[in-house]
Amino acid sequence: MIMIVLTRNAKLFAFGAVLVWLFGLTLAGCGQGTGNQTNRGGSGRSSALSVDAVVIRPQVLENKIFTTGTLLANEEVELRPEISGRVTGVFFQEGSRIAKGALMLKIYDRELQAQHKRKELEEKQASDEERRQRSLYDIKAISQEEYDNTLNTLRMIQADKEVIESQIGKTEIKAPFNGVVGLRYISEGGFVSPNMLVATMQVLDPMKVEFSVPEQ
């Protein structure tokens, strides 16, 4: 019988060789497993279908129209006189802001003022006469017809006075609203006639936009 006696260094060498051999077996097994998985994975991907997916989310639908338009004054008026006459005063400047009711132009009215003053005197006289006649009528001193004639005279004078006042009012052009005056077409001392353009007036704040929208 032959016995082999190993020294301590020989024992360590043999033990190390066994560990290396076991480690090599382990790596070989892992590599084979990985290769199989790779082959299975590759065959799986080759059979998959490619699709496009869209995620549906709620959102606000914006209906917009792009077009061109024209800015317009919110209000616009042409100032024209109602009667003929000589201009005695122009009380506005081009491009200035005018308040509603402000006097802008005055036409000569001295003759109308004289007629108005005359009618005022006639009205006072007729009014005094009407009071006296009414007192007489109350005591049956005059007839109903006599009193009615006096009353009608007073009313006719008052009506004539109102006509003259209306004519005097037409000698003035006043601003119809708060706005901006445009170009002026008349000067002081000039003669105007009905429907002659004196100036324009506009309201520029706010403004309007004029545009067209297609049917489709």
Protein backbone atom coordinates (compact mmCIF):
# COMPACT_ATOMS: atom_id res chain seq x y z
CA MET A 1 0.00 0.00 0.00
CA ILE A 2 1.37 3.34 -1.07
CA MET A 3 0.52 6.47 0.96
CA ILE A 4 0.92 9.97 -0.42
CA VAL A 5 1.73 12.54 2.15
CA LEU A 6 0.88 16.10 1.11
CA THR A 7 2.54 19.02 2.55
CA ARG A 8 0.58 22.09 3.70
CA ASN A 9 1.33 24.06 0.52
CA ALA A 10 0.23 21.18 -1.64
CA LYS A 11 -3.06 20.98 0.23
CA LEU A 12 -3.77 24.66 -0.37
CA PHE A 13 -2.98 24.31 -4.05
CA ALA A 14 -5.34 21.38 -4.44
CA PHE A 15 -8.17 23.19 -2.62
CA GLY A 16 -7.73 26.25 -4.83
CA ALA A 17 -7.88 24.15 -7.98
CA VAL A 18 -11.20 22.64 -6.89
CA LEU A 19 -12.69 26.13 -6.27
CA VAL A 20 -11.60 27.33 -9.70
CA TRP A 21 -13.21 24.28 -11.33
CA LEU A 22 -16.52 24.82 -9.48
CA PHE A 23 -16.56 28.53 -10.42
CA GLY A 24 -16.01 27.63 -14.06
CA LEU A 25 -18.96 25.24 -14.01
CA THR A 26 -21.17 27.96 -12.50
CA LEU A 27 -20.27 30.50 -15.20
CA ALA A 28 -20.94 27.98 -17.96
CA GLY A 29 -24.42 27.29 -16.58
CA CYS A 30 -25.28 30.98 -16.28
CA GLY A 31 -24.13 31.70 -19.81
CA GLN A 32 -26.29 28.93 -21.22
CA GLY A 33 -29.33 30.16 -19.28
CA THR A 34 -28.82 33.69 -20.50
CA GLY A 35 -28.55 32.54 -24.07
CA ASN A 36 -31.79 30.59 -23.82
CA GLN A 37 -33.61 33.57 -22.35
CA THR A 38 -32.21 35.78 -25.08
CA ASN A 39 -33.42 33.41 -27.75
CA ARG A 40 -36.86 33.17 -26.18
CA GLY A 41 -37.08 36.96 -25.81
CA GLY A 42 -36.00 37.54 -29.39
CA SER A 43 -38.55 35.13 -30.76
CA GLY A 44 -41.25 36.85 -28.62
CA ARG A 45 -40.45 40.33 -29.97
CA SER A 46 -40.48 39.19 -33.54
CA SER A 47 -44.07 38.01 -33.16
CA ALA A 48 -45.39 41.27 -31.47
CA LEU A 49 -47.59 43.79 -33.45
CA SER A 50 -46.65 47.49 -33.66
CA VAL A 51 -49.60 49.82 -32.84
CA ASP A 52 -50.14 53.58 -32.41
CA ALA A 53 -52.05 54.71 -29.33
CA VAL A 54 -53.73 58.07 -28.62
CA VAL A 55 -54.71 59.23 -25.15
CA ILE A 56 -58.14 60.94 -25.21
CA ARG A 57 -58.47 63.89 -22.86
CA PRO A 58 -61.33 66.45 -22.57
CA GLN A 59 -60.47 69.94 -23.82
CA VAL A 60 -62.20 73.18 -24.86
CA LEU A 61 -62.89 73.53 -28.59
CA GLU A 62 -61.81 77.01 -29.76
CA ASN A 63 -63.77 78.37 -32.72
CA LYS A 64 -61.74 81.33 -34.00
CA ILE A 65 -62.22 83.51 -37.06
CA PHE A 66 -59.50 85.81 -38.38
CA THR A 67 -60.74 88.69 -40.52
CA THR A 68 -60.14 92.37 -41.24
CA GLY A 69 -62.39 95.21 -40.15
CA THR A 70 -62.83 98.97 -40.05
CA LEU A 71 -62.93 101.12 -36.91
CA LEU A 72 -65.95 103.42 -36.79
CA ALA A 73 -67.09 106.13 -34.41
CA ASN A 74 -69.73 104.97 -31.97
CA GLU A 75 -71.82 108.04 -32.85
CA GLU A 76 -71.39 110.50 -35.72
CA VAL A 77 -73.42 113.50 -36.84
CA GLU A 78 -73.15 116.30 -39.38
CA LEU A 79 -74.03 119.71 -37.98
CA ARG A 80 -76.17 121.79 -40.35
CA PRO A 81 -78.26 124.95 -39.74
CA GLU A 82 -82.04 124.98 -40.12
CA ILE A 83 -82.34 128.59 -41.27
CA SER A 84 -80.39 131.03 -43.42
CA GLY A 85 -78.38 133.87 -41.94
CA ARG A 86 -75.03 135.40 -41.13
CA VAL A 87 -72.82 133.64 -38.61
CA THR A 88 -72.16 135.91 -35.63
CA GLY A 89 -70.22 133.45 -33.47
CA VAL A 90 -68.27 130.18 -33.72
CA PHE A 91 -67.60 128.67 -30.30
CA PHE A 92 -65.55 125.53 -31.00
CA GLN A 93 -62.16 124.47 -32.29
CA GLU A 94 -61.42 121.60 -34.65
CA GLY A 95 -60.48 118.46 -32.73
CA SER A 96 -61.77 119.79 -29.41
CA ARG A 97 -64.07 117.95 -27.03
CA ILE A 98 -67.54 119.44 -26.65
CA ALA A 99 -70.06 118.75 -23.90
CA LYS A 100 -73.67 117.96 -24.74
CA GLY A 101 -75.78 121.11 -25.02
CA ALA A 102 -72.83 123.48 -25.46
CA LEU A 103 -73.39 126.36 -27.89
CA MET A 104 -71.27 125.81 -31.00
CA LEU A 105 -72.55 128.35 -33.54
CA LYS A 106 -74.78 131.44 -33.50
CA ILE A 107 -76.66 133.01 -36.43
CA TYR A 108 -77.80 136.64 -36.54
CA ASP A 109 -81.15 136.98 -34.73
CA ARG A 110 -81.63 140.66 -33.80
CA GLU A 111 -84.75 141.00 -35.94
CA LEU A 112 -86.26 137.89 -34.38
CA GLN A 113 -85.42 139.18 -30.91
CA ALA A 114 -87.20 142.46 -31.71
CA GLN A 115 -90.27 140.56 -32.90
CA HIS A 116 -90.18 138.47 -29.74
CA LYS A 117 -90.04 141.56 -27.54
CA ARG A 118 -92.99 143.06 -29.40
CA LYS A 119 -95.04 139.89 -28.87
CA GLU A 120 -94.21 139.95 -25.17
CA LEU A 121 -95.70 143.47 -24.90
CA GLU A 122 -98.77 142.41 -26.89
CA GLU A 123 -99.15 139.37 -24.67
CA LYS A 124 -99.06 141.49 -21.52
CA GLN A 125 -101.65 143.90 -22.91
CA ALA A 126 -103.94 141.07 -24.05
CA SER A 127 -103.53 139.30 -20.71
CA ASP A 128 -104.61 142.42 -18.81
CA GLU A 129 -107.59 142.82 -21.13
CA GLU A 130 -108.57 139.18 -20.63
CA ARG A 131 -108.60 139.65 -16.84
CA ARG A 132 -110.85 142.72 -17.09
CA GLN A 133 -113.22 140.99 -19.47
CA ARG A 134 -113.39 137.94 -17.22
CA SER A 135 -114.35 140.13 -14.28
CA LEU A 136 -117.14 141.69 -16.34
CA TYR A 137 -118.26 138.31 -17.57
CA ASP A 138 -118.45 136.98 -14.00
CA ILE A 139 -120.99 139.70 -13.12
CA LYS A 140 -122.85 139.18 -16.40
CA ALA A 141 -121.81 142.62 -17.67
CA ILE A 142 -120.66 141.22 -21.03
CA SER A 143 -121.69 138.27 -23.13
CA GLN A 144 -119.91 134.94 -23.50
CA GLU A 145 -119.00 135.85 -27.08
CA GLU A 146 -117.27 139.08 -26.06
CA TYR A 147 -115.19 137.29 -23.45
CA ASP A 148 -114.31 134.48 -25.87
CA ASN A 149 -113.04 136.99 -28.44
CA THR A 150 -110.74 138.55 -25.87
CA LEU A 151 -109.46 135.14 -24.75
CA ASN A 152 -108.83 134.02 -28.34
CA THR A 153 -106.85 137.19 -29.04
CA LEU A 154 -104.58 136.41 -26.09
CA ARG A 155 -104.07 132.82 -27.24
CA MET A 156 -103.20 133.90 -30.80
CA ILE A 157 -100.57 136.31 -29.50
CA GLN A 158 -99.09 133.56 -27.32
CA ALA A 159 -98.96 131.19 -30.32
CA ASP A 160 -97.17 133.81 -32.43
CA LYS A 161 -94.68 134.30 -29.61
CA GLU A 162 -93.93 130.57 -29.50
CA VAL A 163 -93.28 130.55 -33.26
CA ILE A 164 -90.77 133.38 -32.89
CA GLU A 165 -89.08 131.59 -29.98
CA SER A 166 -88.78 128.50 -32.17
CA GLN A 167 -87.14 130.57 -34.91
CA ILE A 168 -84.70 132.07 -32.42
CA GLY A 169 -83.81 128.57 -31.25
CA LYS A 170 -82.91 127.64 -34.82
CA THR A 171 -80.29 130.41 -34.89
CA GLU A 172 -78.20 128.33 -32.49
CA ILE A 173 -76.42 125.04 -33.11
CA LYS A 174 -75.71 123.10 -29.92
CA ALA A 175 -73.78 119.89 -29.36
CA PRO A 176 -76.16 116.91 -29.53
CA PHE A 177 -73.91 114.75 -27.31
CA ASN A 178 -70.51 114.63 -25.63
CA GLY A 179 -67.97 114.17 -28.40
CA VAL A 180 -65.09 115.40 -30.54
CA VAL A 181 -65.51 118.02 -33.26
CA GLY A 182 -64.08 117.26 -36.69
CA LEU A 183 -63.35 119.72 -39.49
CA ARG A 184 -65.02 123.13 -39.48
CA TYR A 185 -66.52 124.33 -42.77
CA ILE A 186 -67.70 127.83 -41.81
CA SER A 187 -66.19 130.94 -40.27
CA GLU A 188 -67.59 133.85 -38.32
CA GLY A 189 -69.13 136.39 -40.67
CA GLY A 190 -69.95 133.81 -43.31
CA PHE A 191 -73.44 133.20 -44.63
CA VAL A 192 -75.13 129.86 -44.07
CA SER A 193 -78.26 128.31 -45.50
CA PRO A 194 -80.31 125.26 -44.53
CA ASN A 195 -78.50 121.93 -44.91
CA MET A 196 -75.08 123.59 -45.37
CA LEU A 197 -72.42 121.51 -43.59
CA VAL A 198 -70.95 123.41 -40.65
CA ALA A 199 -68.90 120.68 -38.92
CA THR A 200 -68.91 117.03 -37.96
CA MET A 201 -69.00 115.56 -34.49
CA GLN A 202 -68.13 112.05 -33.32
CA VAL A 203 -68.07 109.85 -30.24
CA LEU A 204 -64.70 108.02 -30.27
CA ASP A 205 -64.87 106.32 -26.89
CA PRO A 206 -66.02 103.62 -27.26
CA MET A 207 -65.59 102.76 -30.95
CA LYS A 208 -67.27 100.19 -33.19
CA VAL A 209 -65.66 97.64 -35.53
CA GLU A 210 -67.31 96.81 -38.84
CA PHE A 211 -66.34 93.45 -40.37
CA SER A 212 -67.83 90.57 -42.33
CA VAL A 213 -68.04 86.91 -41.24
CA PRO A 214 -68.22 84.10 -43.82
CA GLU A 215 -71.29 81.86 -43.64
CA GLN A 216 -69.24 78.66 -43.63
